[in-house]
């Protein structure tokens, strides 16, 4: 067609007997658990994520505090499903979901038809409307966040080590953790060590 649109192959067509297609968007804990539950079932599963790894987010604080390397908490998704007969991973960014057409549109990849859709896209930081806090703080939801935070902490520690003024040193060694959930508690404990 003139606008570059070509209709996607219908889900189930050419799938050996018209098996149903399940598309799972997101390979965090929810998406991964769903894909594992469907592994070996009489459906074709396509797991989509913008990254090619599953991130074990409870240990992000250990990357941020230098206790672990990023590769220690990122597991290749293709390895997880390498022996699966019906689960396939595709690295892609979803740009739009057309519920009425049962189609997922992907960035730079042909559209993908589905019979069943699972949206397991995870969570984002919530600053409860405090934009100032969002502007001056570090989130901790991704490897990039953890690495950026670790670099900032290390920079402060190095600068404090070379700082002769006790007040300036104290300021460089002062960290504020907002949130008292598991990540906040573990982060504060790791930083204090």
N, C-alpha and C. Protein backbone atom coordinates (compact mmCIF):
# COMPACT_ATOMS: atom_id res chain seq x y z
N UNK A 1 0.84 -1.18 0.00
CA UNK A 1 0.00 0.00 0.00
C UNK A 1 0.88 1.25 0.00
N UNK A 2 0.32 2.38 -0.35
CA UNK A 2 1.08 3.61 -0.48
C UNK A 2 1.66 4.10 0.83
N UNK A 3 0.98 3.88 1.95
CA UNK A 3 1.46 4.40 3.23
C UNK A 3 2.48 3.47 3.90
N UNK A 4 2.90 2.41 3.21
CA UNK A 4 3.88 1.49 3.77
C UNK A 4 3.27 0.42 4.67
N UNK A 5 1.96 0.43 4.80
CA UNK A 5 1.28 -0.55 5.65
C UNK A 5 1.05 -1.83 4.88
N UNK A 6 1.43 -2.92 5.45
CA UNK A 6 1.05 -4.21 4.90
C UNK A 6 0.41 -5.01 6.02
N UNK A 7 -0.71 -5.65 5.75
CA UNK A 7 -1.39 -6.36 6.83
C UNK A 7 -0.52 -7.49 7.37
N UNK A 8 -0.53 -7.69 8.68
CA UNK A 8 0.27 -8.76 9.27
C UNK A 8 -0.33 -10.12 8.97
N UNK A 9 0.52 -11.14 9.00
CA UNK A 9 -0.01 -12.49 8.90
C UNK A 9 -0.93 -12.72 10.08
N UNK A 10 -2.05 -13.33 9.82
CA UNK A 10 -3.00 -13.58 10.91
C UNK A 10 -2.40 -14.57 11.89
N UNK A 11 -2.71 -14.38 13.11
CA UNK A 11 -2.27 -15.31 14.14
C UNK A 11 -2.85 -16.68 13.85
N UNK A 12 -2.03 -17.70 14.04
CA UNK A 12 -2.50 -19.06 13.83
C UNK A 12 -2.33 -19.55 12.41
N UNK A 13 -2.21 -18.68 11.40
CA UNK A 13 -2.04 -19.12 10.02
C UNK A 13 -0.65 -19.70 9.83
N UNK A 14 -0.58 -20.84 9.20
CA UNK A 14 0.71 -21.44 8.91
C UNK A 14 1.43 -21.93 10.16
N UNK A 15 0.71 -22.11 11.24
CA UNK A 15 1.33 -22.50 12.49
C UNK A 15 1.13 -23.99 12.75
N UNK A 16 0.93 -24.78 11.72
CA UNK A 16 0.77 -26.22 11.91
C UNK A 16 -0.53 -26.55 12.62
N UNK A 17 -1.64 -26.40 11.93
CA UNK A 17 -2.92 -26.75 12.53
C UNK A 17 -3.63 -25.57 13.16
N UNK A 18 -3.19 -24.38 12.87
CA UNK A 18 -3.88 -23.20 13.36
C UNK A 18 -3.77 -22.98 14.86
N UNK A 19 -2.61 -23.27 15.43
CA UNK A 19 -2.42 -23.03 16.86
C UNK A 19 -2.59 -21.55 17.17
N UNK A 20 -3.11 -21.27 18.32
CA UNK A 20 -3.31 -19.89 18.77
C UNK A 20 -1.96 -19.26 19.10
N UNK A 21 -1.88 -17.95 18.85
CA UNK A 21 -0.66 -17.20 19.15
C UNK A 21 -0.90 -16.29 20.35
N UNK A 22 -0.01 -16.40 21.32
CA UNK A 22 -0.02 -15.54 22.50
C UNK A 22 1.19 -14.62 22.38
N UNK A 23 0.94 -13.31 22.41
CA UNK A 23 2.02 -12.33 22.42
C UNK A 23 2.09 -11.75 23.82
N UNK A 24 3.28 -11.82 24.40
CA UNK A 24 3.53 -11.28 25.74
C UNK A 24 4.44 -10.08 25.58
N UNK A 25 3.97 -8.92 26.03
CA UNK A 25 4.76 -7.69 25.96
C UNK A 25 5.38 -7.46 27.33
N UNK A 26 6.69 -7.59 27.40
CA UNK A 26 7.42 -7.38 28.65
C UNK A 26 7.99 -8.67 29.18
N UNK A 27 9.29 -8.67 29.47
CA UNK A 27 9.97 -9.88 29.95
C UNK A 27 10.49 -9.70 31.37
N UNK A 28 9.75 -8.93 32.17
CA UNK A 28 10.06 -8.85 33.59
C UNK A 28 9.52 -10.09 34.28
N UNK A 29 9.31 -9.99 35.59
CA UNK A 29 8.84 -11.16 36.34
C UNK A 29 7.49 -11.68 35.83
N UNK A 30 6.54 -10.78 35.56
CA UNK A 30 5.22 -11.20 35.12
C UNK A 30 5.25 -11.85 33.74
N UNK A 31 5.89 -11.19 32.78
CA UNK A 31 5.97 -11.73 31.43
C UNK A 31 6.74 -13.03 31.37
N UNK A 32 7.84 -13.10 32.11
CA UNK A 32 8.65 -14.31 32.12
C UNK A 32 7.88 -15.47 32.75
N UNK A 33 7.17 -15.21 33.85
CA UNK A 33 6.38 -16.27 34.49
C UNK A 33 5.28 -16.77 33.56
N UNK A 34 4.65 -15.85 32.85
CA UNK A 34 3.59 -16.24 31.91
C UNK A 34 4.16 -17.11 30.79
N UNK A 35 5.30 -16.68 30.22
CA UNK A 35 5.92 -17.45 29.14
C UNK A 35 6.33 -18.84 29.62
N UNK A 36 6.88 -18.92 30.82
CA UNK A 36 7.28 -20.23 31.36
C UNK A 36 6.06 -21.12 31.60
N UNK A 37 4.97 -20.53 32.04
CA UNK A 37 3.74 -21.31 32.28
C UNK A 37 3.19 -21.86 30.96
N UNK A 38 3.34 -21.09 29.88
CA UNK A 38 2.83 -21.51 28.57
C UNK A 38 3.81 -22.40 27.80
N UNK A 39 5.05 -22.49 28.28
CA UNK A 39 6.06 -23.32 27.62
C UNK A 39 5.57 -24.77 27.61
N UNK A 40 5.55 -25.36 26.42
CA UNK A 40 5.10 -26.74 26.28
C UNK A 40 3.61 -26.90 26.07
N UNK A 41 2.86 -25.82 26.14
CA UNK A 41 1.41 -25.87 25.91
C UNK A 41 1.13 -25.77 24.41
N UNK A 42 -0.06 -26.15 23.96
CA UNK A 42 -0.37 -26.13 22.52
C UNK A 42 -0.72 -24.73 22.00
N UNK A 43 0.16 -23.78 22.25
CA UNK A 43 0.04 -22.41 21.72
C UNK A 43 1.43 -21.97 21.28
N UNK A 44 1.47 -21.01 20.38
CA UNK A 44 2.73 -20.38 20.00
C UNK A 44 2.86 -19.09 20.78
N UNK A 45 3.98 -18.91 21.44
CA UNK A 45 4.20 -17.76 22.30
C UNK A 45 5.33 -16.92 21.74
N UNK A 46 5.07 -15.62 21.63
CA UNK A 46 6.12 -14.67 21.26
C UNK A 46 6.27 -13.70 22.42
N UNK A 47 7.44 -13.69 23.02
CA UNK A 47 7.76 -12.81 24.14
C UNK A 47 8.52 -11.62 23.60
N UNK A 48 7.99 -10.42 23.82
CA UNK A 48 8.61 -9.19 23.32
C UNK A 48 9.17 -8.38 24.48
N UNK A 49 10.35 -7.82 24.27
CA UNK A 49 10.90 -6.88 25.24
C UNK A 49 11.89 -5.99 24.51
N UNK A 50 12.05 -4.76 25.01
CA UNK A 50 13.00 -3.84 24.38
C UNK A 50 14.45 -4.22 24.67
N UNK A 51 14.66 -5.05 25.69
CA UNK A 51 16.00 -5.55 26.02
C UNK A 51 16.05 -7.04 25.73
N UNK A 52 17.26 -7.55 25.50
CA UNK A 52 17.38 -8.98 25.22
C UNK A 52 17.71 -9.79 26.48
N UNK A 53 17.42 -9.21 27.64
CA UNK A 53 17.70 -9.88 28.90
C UNK A 53 16.56 -9.67 29.88
N UNK A 54 16.46 -10.62 30.82
CA UNK A 54 15.55 -10.47 31.96
C UNK A 54 16.37 -9.85 33.08
N UNK A 55 15.86 -8.81 33.69
CA UNK A 55 16.57 -8.09 34.74
C UNK A 55 16.01 -8.51 36.10
N UNK A 56 16.89 -9.00 36.97
CA UNK A 56 16.49 -9.37 38.32
C UNK A 56 16.53 -8.10 39.18
N UNK A 57 15.43 -7.35 39.14
CA UNK A 57 15.38 -6.01 39.74
C UNK A 57 15.62 -5.96 41.25
N UNK A 58 15.30 -7.01 42.04
CA UNK A 58 15.58 -6.89 43.47
C UNK A 58 17.06 -6.67 43.80
N UNK A 59 17.96 -6.98 42.87
CA UNK A 59 19.38 -6.79 43.13
C UNK A 59 19.96 -5.56 42.45
N UNK A 60 19.13 -4.70 41.91
CA UNK A 60 19.64 -3.46 41.31
C UNK A 60 20.44 -2.64 42.31
N UNK A 61 20.00 -2.63 43.56
CA UNK A 61 20.72 -1.85 44.57
C UNK A 61 22.15 -2.34 44.72
N UNK A 62 22.41 -3.63 44.50
CA UNK A 62 23.77 -4.15 44.62
C UNK A 62 24.64 -3.69 43.45
N UNK A 63 24.05 -3.51 42.29
CA UNK A 63 24.80 -2.92 41.17
C UNK A 63 25.07 -1.45 41.48
N UNK A 64 24.05 -0.75 42.00
CA UNK A 64 24.19 0.68 42.31
C UNK A 64 25.24 0.93 43.38
N UNK A 65 25.42 -0.01 44.30
CA UNK A 65 26.39 0.19 45.38
C UNK A 65 27.71 -0.53 45.12
N UNK A 66 27.87 -1.08 43.92
CA UNK A 66 29.14 -1.67 43.52
C UNK A 66 29.37 -3.08 44.01
N UNK A 67 28.38 -3.73 44.59
CA UNK A 67 28.55 -5.09 45.09
C UNK A 67 28.45 -6.14 43.99
N UNK A 68 27.72 -5.83 42.93
CA UNK A 68 27.57 -6.74 41.79
C UNK A 68 27.81 -5.98 40.49
N UNK A 69 28.17 -6.72 39.46
CA UNK A 69 28.28 -6.15 38.12
C UNK A 69 26.93 -6.28 37.43
N UNK A 70 26.64 -5.41 36.46
CA UNK A 70 25.35 -5.49 35.76
C UNK A 70 25.07 -6.87 35.16
N UNK A 71 26.10 -7.53 34.64
CA UNK A 71 25.88 -8.84 34.02
C UNK A 71 25.46 -9.91 35.03
N UNK A 72 25.68 -9.66 36.32
CA UNK A 72 25.30 -10.63 37.35
C UNK A 72 23.79 -10.71 37.55
N UNK A 73 23.05 -9.69 37.11
CA UNK A 73 21.60 -9.68 37.35
C UNK A 73 20.80 -9.56 36.05
N UNK A 74 21.46 -9.74 34.92
CA UNK A 74 20.79 -9.68 33.61
C UNK A 74 20.99 -11.02 32.91
N UNK A 75 19.89 -11.73 32.66
CA UNK A 75 19.95 -13.08 32.11
C UNK A 75 19.43 -13.08 30.67
N UNK A 76 20.23 -13.56 29.70
CA UNK A 76 19.81 -13.55 28.30
C UNK A 76 18.51 -14.34 28.09
N UNK A 77 17.52 -13.69 27.50
CA UNK A 77 16.22 -14.32 27.31
C UNK A 77 16.26 -15.47 26.31
N UNK A 78 17.08 -15.36 25.31
CA UNK A 78 17.15 -16.46 24.34
C UNK A 78 17.71 -17.71 25.00
N UNK A 79 18.58 -17.54 25.98
CA UNK A 79 19.11 -18.69 26.72
C UNK A 79 18.03 -19.32 27.58
N UNK A 80 17.19 -18.50 28.19
CA UNK A 80 16.13 -19.02 29.06
C UNK A 80 15.21 -19.95 28.28
N UNK A 81 14.92 -19.61 27.02
CA UNK A 81 13.96 -20.40 26.23
C UNK A 81 14.61 -21.18 25.09
N UNK A 82 15.89 -21.44 25.17
CA UNK A 82 16.58 -22.10 24.05
C UNK A 82 16.07 -23.52 23.78
N UNK A 83 15.53 -24.19 24.78
CA UNK A 83 15.03 -25.55 24.58
C UNK A 83 13.52 -25.61 24.41
N UNK A 84 12.88 -24.46 24.35
CA UNK A 84 11.43 -24.43 24.21
C UNK A 84 11.02 -24.71 22.77
N UNK A 85 9.96 -25.47 22.63
CA UNK A 85 9.44 -25.73 21.29
C UNK A 85 8.41 -24.72 20.84
N UNK A 86 7.88 -23.93 21.77
CA UNK A 86 6.80 -23.03 21.38
C UNK A 86 6.96 -21.59 21.87
N UNK A 87 8.00 -21.29 22.63
CA UNK A 87 8.21 -19.91 23.10
C UNK A 87 9.39 -19.32 22.34
N UNK A 88 9.15 -18.18 21.72
CA UNK A 88 10.20 -17.47 20.99
C UNK A 88 10.32 -16.07 21.56
N UNK A 89 11.55 -15.60 21.66
CA UNK A 89 11.79 -14.23 22.12
C UNK A 89 12.12 -13.36 20.93
N UNK A 90 11.59 -12.14 20.94
CA UNK A 90 11.91 -11.15 19.92
C UNK A 90 12.20 -9.82 20.61
N UNK A 91 13.39 -9.28 20.37
CA UNK A 91 13.72 -7.97 20.93
C UNK A 91 13.10 -6.91 20.04
N UNK A 92 12.20 -6.13 20.63
CA UNK A 92 11.49 -5.10 19.88
C UNK A 92 10.84 -4.13 20.85
N UNK A 93 10.57 -2.95 20.34
CA UNK A 93 9.85 -1.94 21.11
C UNK A 93 8.44 -1.81 20.54
N UNK A 94 7.46 -1.99 21.39
CA UNK A 94 6.06 -1.88 20.97
C UNK A 94 5.73 -0.40 20.83
N UNK A 95 5.18 -0.03 19.68
CA UNK A 95 4.80 1.37 19.46
C UNK A 95 3.30 1.58 19.58
N UNK A 96 2.53 0.51 19.34
CA UNK A 96 1.08 0.66 19.42
C UNK A 96 0.44 -0.73 19.47
N UNK A 97 -0.67 -0.79 20.17
CA UNK A 97 -1.48 -2.01 20.20
C UNK A 97 -2.84 -1.66 19.62
N UNK A 98 -3.25 -2.41 18.61
CA UNK A 98 -4.55 -2.22 17.99
C UNK A 98 -5.45 -3.37 18.45
N UNK A 99 -6.19 -3.11 19.51
CA UNK A 99 -7.04 -4.16 20.09
C UNK A 99 -8.10 -4.65 19.12
N UNK A 100 -8.70 -3.73 18.36
CA UNK A 100 -9.77 -4.13 17.44
C UNK A 100 -9.26 -5.03 16.32
N UNK A 101 -8.00 -4.86 15.92
CA UNK A 101 -7.41 -5.68 14.86
C UNK A 101 -6.57 -6.84 15.39
N UNK A 102 -6.37 -6.87 16.71
CA UNK A 102 -5.50 -7.87 17.35
C UNK A 102 -4.11 -7.85 16.73
N UNK A 103 -3.53 -6.64 16.71
CA UNK A 103 -2.21 -6.44 16.12
C UNK A 103 -1.36 -5.60 17.07
N UNK A 104 -0.10 -6.00 17.20
CA UNK A 104 0.89 -5.21 17.94
C UNK A 104 1.83 -4.61 16.91
N UNK A 105 1.99 -3.31 16.97
CA UNK A 105 2.93 -2.62 16.07
C UNK A 105 4.25 -2.44 16.79
N UNK A 106 5.33 -2.71 16.05
CA UNK A 106 6.66 -2.68 16.62
C UNK A 106 7.53 -1.69 15.87
N UNK A 107 8.49 -1.11 16.56
CA UNK A 107 9.40 -0.14 15.97
C UNK A 107 10.37 -0.84 15.02
N UNK A 108 10.26 -0.53 13.73
CA UNK A 108 11.20 -1.05 12.74
C UNK A 108 11.02 -2.52 12.39
N UNK A 109 9.93 -3.12 12.80
CA UNK A 109 9.68 -4.54 12.56
C UNK A 109 8.24 -4.67 12.05
N UNK A 110 7.98 -5.63 11.17
CA UNK A 110 6.59 -5.80 10.70
C UNK A 110 5.62 -6.02 11.86
N UNK A 111 4.36 -5.64 11.67
CA UNK A 111 3.35 -5.81 12.72
C UNK A 111 3.18 -7.29 13.07
N UNK A 112 2.69 -7.53 14.26
CA UNK A 112 2.56 -8.88 14.77
C UNK A 112 1.12 -9.12 15.21
N UNK A 113 0.48 -10.10 14.58
CA UNK A 113 -0.90 -10.45 14.94
C UNK A 113 -0.90 -11.39 16.14
N UNK A 114 -1.99 -11.36 16.89
CA UNK A 114 -2.09 -12.24 18.06
C UNK A 114 -3.53 -12.72 18.22
N UNK A 115 -3.67 -13.83 18.93
CA UNK A 115 -4.98 -14.29 19.37
C UNK A 115 -5.23 -13.85 20.80
N UNK A 116 -4.16 -13.91 21.60
CA UNK A 116 -4.23 -13.47 23.00
C UNK A 116 -3.04 -12.56 23.27
N UNK A 117 -3.29 -11.51 24.04
CA UNK A 117 -2.25 -10.53 24.35
C UNK A 117 -2.10 -10.41 25.86
N UNK A 118 -0.86 -10.46 26.31
CA UNK A 118 -0.55 -10.25 27.73
C UNK A 118 0.34 -9.01 27.81
N UNK A 119 -0.12 -8.00 28.55
CA UNK A 119 0.68 -6.80 28.76
C UNK A 119 1.31 -6.89 30.14
N UNK A 120 2.63 -7.04 30.17
CA UNK A 120 3.37 -7.19 31.42
C UNK A 120 4.57 -6.24 31.37
N UNK A 121 4.25 -4.95 31.25
CA UNK A 121 5.29 -3.95 30.98
C UNK A 121 5.99 -3.41 32.21
N UNK A 122 5.65 -3.89 33.39
CA UNK A 122 6.38 -3.48 34.59
C UNK A 122 5.89 -2.18 35.17
N UNK A 123 6.76 -1.56 35.95
CA UNK A 123 6.39 -0.35 36.68
C UNK A 123 7.36 0.78 36.36
N UNK A 124 6.98 1.96 36.78
CA UNK A 124 7.84 3.14 36.64
C UNK A 124 7.95 3.81 38.01
N UNK A 125 8.92 4.70 38.13
CA UNK A 125 9.06 5.45 39.38
C UNK A 125 7.86 6.36 39.58
N UNK A 126 7.41 6.48 40.81
CA UNK A 126 6.29 7.35 41.15
C UNK A 126 6.78 8.39 42.15
N UNK A 127 6.79 9.63 41.74
CA UNK A 127 7.23 10.73 42.61
C UNK A 127 6.05 11.44 43.25
N UNK A 128 4.86 10.90 43.08
CA UNK A 128 3.65 11.43 43.71
C UNK A 128 3.48 12.92 43.45
N UNK A 129 3.75 13.32 42.21
CA UNK A 129 3.56 14.70 41.80
C UNK A 129 4.68 15.65 42.17
N UNK A 130 5.71 15.17 42.83
CA UNK A 130 6.82 16.03 43.25
C UNK A 130 7.87 16.08 42.14
N UNK A 131 7.70 17.02 41.23
CA UNK A 131 8.60 17.12 40.08
C UNK A 131 10.01 17.53 40.48
N UNK A 132 10.14 18.26 41.57
CA UNK A 132 11.48 18.64 42.05
C UNK A 132 12.26 17.39 42.44
N UNK A 133 11.59 16.48 43.13
CA UNK A 133 12.23 15.23 43.53
C UNK A 133 12.62 14.42 42.29
N UNK A 134 11.76 14.38 41.32
CA UNK A 134 12.05 13.66 40.08
C UNK A 134 13.27 14.27 39.38
N UNK A 135 13.41 15.58 39.46
CA UNK A 135 14.50 16.27 38.77
C UNK A 135 15.86 16.04 39.43
N UNK A 136 15.90 15.93 40.76
CA UNK A 136 17.18 15.89 41.46
C UNK A 136 17.55 14.52 42.02
N UNK A 137 16.76 13.50 41.71
CA UNK A 137 17.04 12.18 42.29
C UNK A 137 17.34 11.15 41.21
N UNK A 138 17.75 10.00 41.67
CA UNK A 138 18.02 8.87 40.79
C UNK A 138 16.93 7.83 40.98
N UNK A 139 16.38 7.35 39.89
CA UNK A 139 15.48 6.21 39.97
C UNK A 139 16.31 4.94 40.03
N UNK A 140 15.66 3.83 40.28
CA UNK A 140 16.38 2.56 40.33
C UNK A 140 15.49 1.46 39.76
N UNK A 141 15.27 1.53 38.44
CA UNK A 141 14.41 0.57 37.75
C UNK A 141 15.12 -0.18 36.63
N UNK A 142 16.34 0.25 36.27
CA UNK A 142 17.02 -0.35 35.13
C UNK A 142 18.51 -0.46 35.40
N UNK A 143 19.20 -1.22 34.55
CA UNK A 143 20.66 -1.30 34.66
C UNK A 143 21.29 0.06 34.45
N UNK A 144 20.71 0.85 33.54
CA UNK A 144 21.24 2.19 33.30
C UNK A 144 21.12 3.05 34.55
N UNK A 145 19.97 2.97 35.23
CA UNK A 145 19.78 3.71 36.48
C UNK A 145 20.81 3.29 37.51
N UNK A 146 21.00 2.00 37.69
CA UNK A 146 21.92 1.48 38.70
C UNK A 146 23.36 1.89 38.40
N UNK A 147 23.75 1.83 37.13
CA UNK A 147 25.11 2.20 36.75
C UNK A 147 25.33 3.69 36.93
N UNK A 148 24.35 4.49 36.56
CA UNK A 148 24.46 5.94 36.74
C UNK A 148 24.58 6.30 38.22
N UNK A 149 23.78 5.66 39.05
CA UNK A 149 23.83 5.91 40.49
C UNK A 149 25.17 5.45 41.06
N UNK A 150 25.64 4.28 40.66
CA UNK A 150 26.94 3.81 41.14
C UNK A 150 28.05 4.78 40.76
N UNK A 151 28.04 5.27 39.54
CA UNK A 151 29.06 6.23 39.11
C UNK A 151 29.00 7.51 39.94
N UNK A 152 27.80 7.97 40.27
CA UNK A 152 27.65 9.17 41.09
C UNK A 152 28.18 8.93 42.51
N UNK A 153 27.85 7.79 43.09
CA UNK A 153 28.34 7.47 44.44
C UNK A 153 29.86 7.39 44.44
N UNK A 154 30.44 6.70 43.46
CA UNK A 154 31.90 6.59 43.39
C UNK A 154 32.56 7.94 43.19
N UNK A 155 31.95 8.79 42.38
CA UNK A 155 32.49 10.14 42.18
C UNK A 155 32.49 10.91 43.50
N UNK A 156 31.40 10.82 44.25
CA UNK A 156 31.32 11.50 45.55
C UNK A 156 32.36 10.96 46.52
N UNK A 157 32.54 9.64 46.54
CA UNK A 157 33.54 9.04 47.44
C UNK A 157 34.95 9.48 47.08
N UNK A 158 35.26 9.51 45.80
CA UNK A 158 36.59 9.94 45.36
C UNK A 158 36.84 11.41 45.69
N UNK A 159 35.83 12.23 45.43
CA UNK A 159 35.97 13.66 45.74
C UNK A 159 36.10 13.89 47.24
N UNK A 160 35.35 13.13 48.04
CA UNK A 160 35.43 13.27 49.50
C UNK A 160 36.80 12.85 50.01
N UNK A 161 37.38 11.83 49.40
CA UNK A 161 38.70 11.37 49.82
C UNK A 161 39.77 12.44 49.62
N UNK A 162 39.60 13.25 48.58
CA UNK A 162 40.58 14.30 48.28
C UNK A 162 40.21 15.65 48.89
N UNK A 163 39.07 15.75 49.56
CA UNK A 163 38.57 17.03 50.10
C UNK A 163 39.17 17.29 51.49
N UNK A 164 39.91 18.41 51.65
CA UNK A 164 40.51 18.72 52.96
C UNK A 164 39.51 19.33 53.95
N UNK A 165 38.49 20.01 53.45
CA UNK A 165 37.52 20.68 54.33
C UNK A 165 36.53 19.65 54.88
N UNK A 166 36.45 19.50 56.23
CA UNK A 166 35.55 18.51 56.83
C UNK A 166 34.08 18.72 56.48
N UNK A 167 33.63 19.97 56.41
CA UNK A 167 32.22 20.24 56.06
C UNK A 167 31.92 19.84 54.63
N UNK A 168 32.82 20.17 53.73
CA UNK A 168 32.63 19.79 52.32
C UNK A 168 32.68 18.27 52.17
N UNK A 169 33.58 17.62 52.93
CA UNK A 169 33.66 16.16 52.89
C UNK A 169 32.36 15.54 53.39
N UNK A 170 31.82 16.06 54.48
CA UNK A 170 30.56 15.56 55.03
C UNK A 170 29.43 15.70 54.01
N UNK A 171 29.41 16.84 53.33
CA UNK A 171 28.37 17.06 52.31
C UNK A 171 28.49 16.04 51.18
N UNK A 172 29.73 15.75 50.76
CA UNK A 172 29.93 14.77 49.69
C UNK A 172 29.56 13.35 50.13
N UNK A 173 29.62 13.09 51.42
CA UNK A 173 29.32 11.75 51.94
C UNK A 173 27.90 11.63 52.48
N UNK A 174 27.06 12.63 52.21
CA UNK A 174 25.67 12.60 52.65
C UNK A 174 24.79 12.16 51.48
N UNK A 175 24.07 11.07 51.70
CA UNK A 175 23.17 10.54 50.68
C UNK A 175 21.78 10.46 51.28
N UNK A 176 20.78 10.84 50.53
CA UNK A 176 19.39 10.78 50.97
C UNK A 176 18.69 9.70 50.16
N UNK A 177 18.05 8.78 50.85
CA UNK A 177 17.29 7.72 50.19
C UNK A 177 15.83 7.97 50.47
N UNK A 178 15.06 8.13 49.41
CA UNK A 178 13.62 8.38 49.54
C UNK A 178 12.91 7.06 49.32
N UNK A 179 12.20 6.61 50.32
CA UNK A 179 11.47 5.35 50.23
C UNK A 179 11.99 4.34 51.22
N UNK A 180 11.10 3.72 51.93
CA UNK A 180 11.47 2.76 52.96
C UNK A 180 11.08 1.34 52.61
N UNK A 181 10.90 1.07 51.32
CA UNK A 181 10.62 -0.30 50.90
C UNK A 181 11.91 -1.10 50.85
N UNK A 182 11.83 -2.33 50.34
CA UNK A 182 13.02 -3.18 50.30
C UNK A 182 14.21 -2.55 49.60
N UNK A 183 13.99 -1.87 48.48
CA UNK A 183 15.10 -1.26 47.75
C UNK A 183 15.74 -0.15 48.57
N UNK A 184 14.93 0.71 49.18
CA UNK A 184 15.47 1.79 50.01
C UNK A 184 16.24 1.27 51.20
N UNK A 185 15.68 0.28 51.88
CA UNK A 185 16.34 -0.28 53.07
C UNK A 185 17.65 -0.96 52.69
N UNK A 186 17.63 -1.79 51.65
CA UNK A 186 18.84 -2.48 51.22
C UNK A 186 19.90 -1.50 50.72
N UNK A 187 19.46 -0.48 49.99
CA UNK A 187 20.41 0.53 49.49
C UNK A 187 21.09 1.26 50.63
N UNK A 188 20.31 1.66 51.64
CA UNK A 188 20.90 2.40 52.76
C UNK A 188 21.87 1.51 53.53
N UNK A 189 21.53 0.25 53.71
CA UNK A 189 22.44 -0.66 54.40
C UNK A 189 23.73 -0.86 53.63
N UNK A 190 23.64 -1.03 52.32
CA UNK A 190 24.83 -1.24 51.50
C UNK A 190 25.69 0.02 51.47
N UNK A 191 25.07 1.19 51.40
CA UNK A 191 25.84 2.44 51.39
C UNK A 191 26.55 2.66 52.72
N UNK A 192 25.91 2.30 53.82
CA UNK A 192 26.53 2.54 55.12
C UNK A 192 27.75 1.66 55.33
N UNK A 193 27.79 0.52 54.66
CA UNK A 193 28.95 -0.36 54.76
C UNK A 193 30.10 0.21 53.97
